[in-house]
């Protein structure tokens, strides 16, 4: 079990894998409002369930 992976992803009730968008908080003052808004939403993870199961 990899704790670093399990803390970064979440498996939903329906089985989808969700991750947080990268680069949100560090040096936020330089980013435009549209960049910040775009990064607020969560993203899906393009990896096989078999690979994810290996790390969880």
Protein backbone atom coordinates (compact mmCIF):
# COMPACT_ATOMS: atom_id res chain seq x y z
CA UNK A 1 0.00 0.00 0.00
CA UNK A 2 1.36 3.39 -1.01
CA UNK A 3 0.18 6.10 1.38
CA UNK A 4 1.25 8.88 -0.99
CA UNK A 5 -1.13 7.64 -3.69
CA UNK A 6 -4.03 6.86 -1.35
CA UNK A 7 -3.95 10.38 0.07
CA UNK A 8 -4.11 11.97 -3.40
CA UNK A 9 -6.98 10.03 -4.97
CA UNK A 10 -10.55 9.25 -3.98
CA UNK A 11 -12.75 6.44 -5.25
CA UNK A 12 -16.39 7.47 -5.57
CA UNK A 13 -19.46 5.40 -4.78
CA UNK A 14 -19.89 4.49 -8.45
CA UNK A 15 -16.22 3.47 -8.79
CA UNK A 16 -14.80 6.54 -10.52
CA UNK A 17 -11.33 7.70 -9.54
CA UNK A 18 -10.95 11.40 -8.76
CA UNK A 19 -7.80 13.40 -8.12
CA UNK A 20 -7.13 17.01 -7.21
CA UNK A 21 -5.86 19.36 -9.92
CA UNK A 22 -2.12 20.09 -9.65
CA UNK A 23 -0.57 23.50 -9.07
CA UNK A 24 -3.38 25.23 -7.18
CA UNK A 25 -1.89 26.93 -4.16
CA UNK A 26 1.81 27.54 -4.79
CA UNK A 27 2.50 31.04 -6.23
CA UNK A 28 -1.21 31.71 -6.62
CA UNK A 29 -0.79 35.49 -6.81
CA UNK A 30 0.82 35.21 -10.26
CA UNK A 31 -2.06 33.20 -11.70
CA UNK A 32 -5.04 34.77 -13.45
CA UNK A 33 -8.61 34.39 -12.16
CA UNK A 34 -9.51 32.05 -15.01
CA UNK A 35 -6.57 29.76 -14.19
CA UNK A 36 -7.59 29.58 -10.53
CA UNK A 37 -11.24 28.85 -11.42
CA UNK A 38 -10.20 26.13 -13.86
CA UNK A 39 -8.03 24.41 -11.26
CA UNK A 40 -10.71 24.43 -8.53
CA UNK A 41 -12.58 21.43 -9.95
CA UNK A 42 -11.47 17.83 -9.44
CA UNK A 43 -10.31 15.73 -12.38
CA UNK A 44 -10.61 12.10 -13.34
CA UNK A 45 -7.58 9.84 -13.37
CA UNK A 46 -6.60 8.07 -16.59
CA UNK A 47 -5.21 4.86 -15.15
CA UNK A 48 -6.44 1.30 -15.15
CA UNK A 49 -8.32 0.06 -12.11
CA UNK A 50 -5.86 -2.81 -11.86
CA UNK A 51 -2.97 -0.36 -11.46
CA UNK A 52 -4.83 1.70 -8.87
CA UNK A 53 -5.75 -1.42 -6.90
CA UNK A 54 -2.06 -2.32 -6.77
CA UNK A 55 -1.24 0.92 -4.94
CA UNK A 56 -4.25 0.84 -2.60
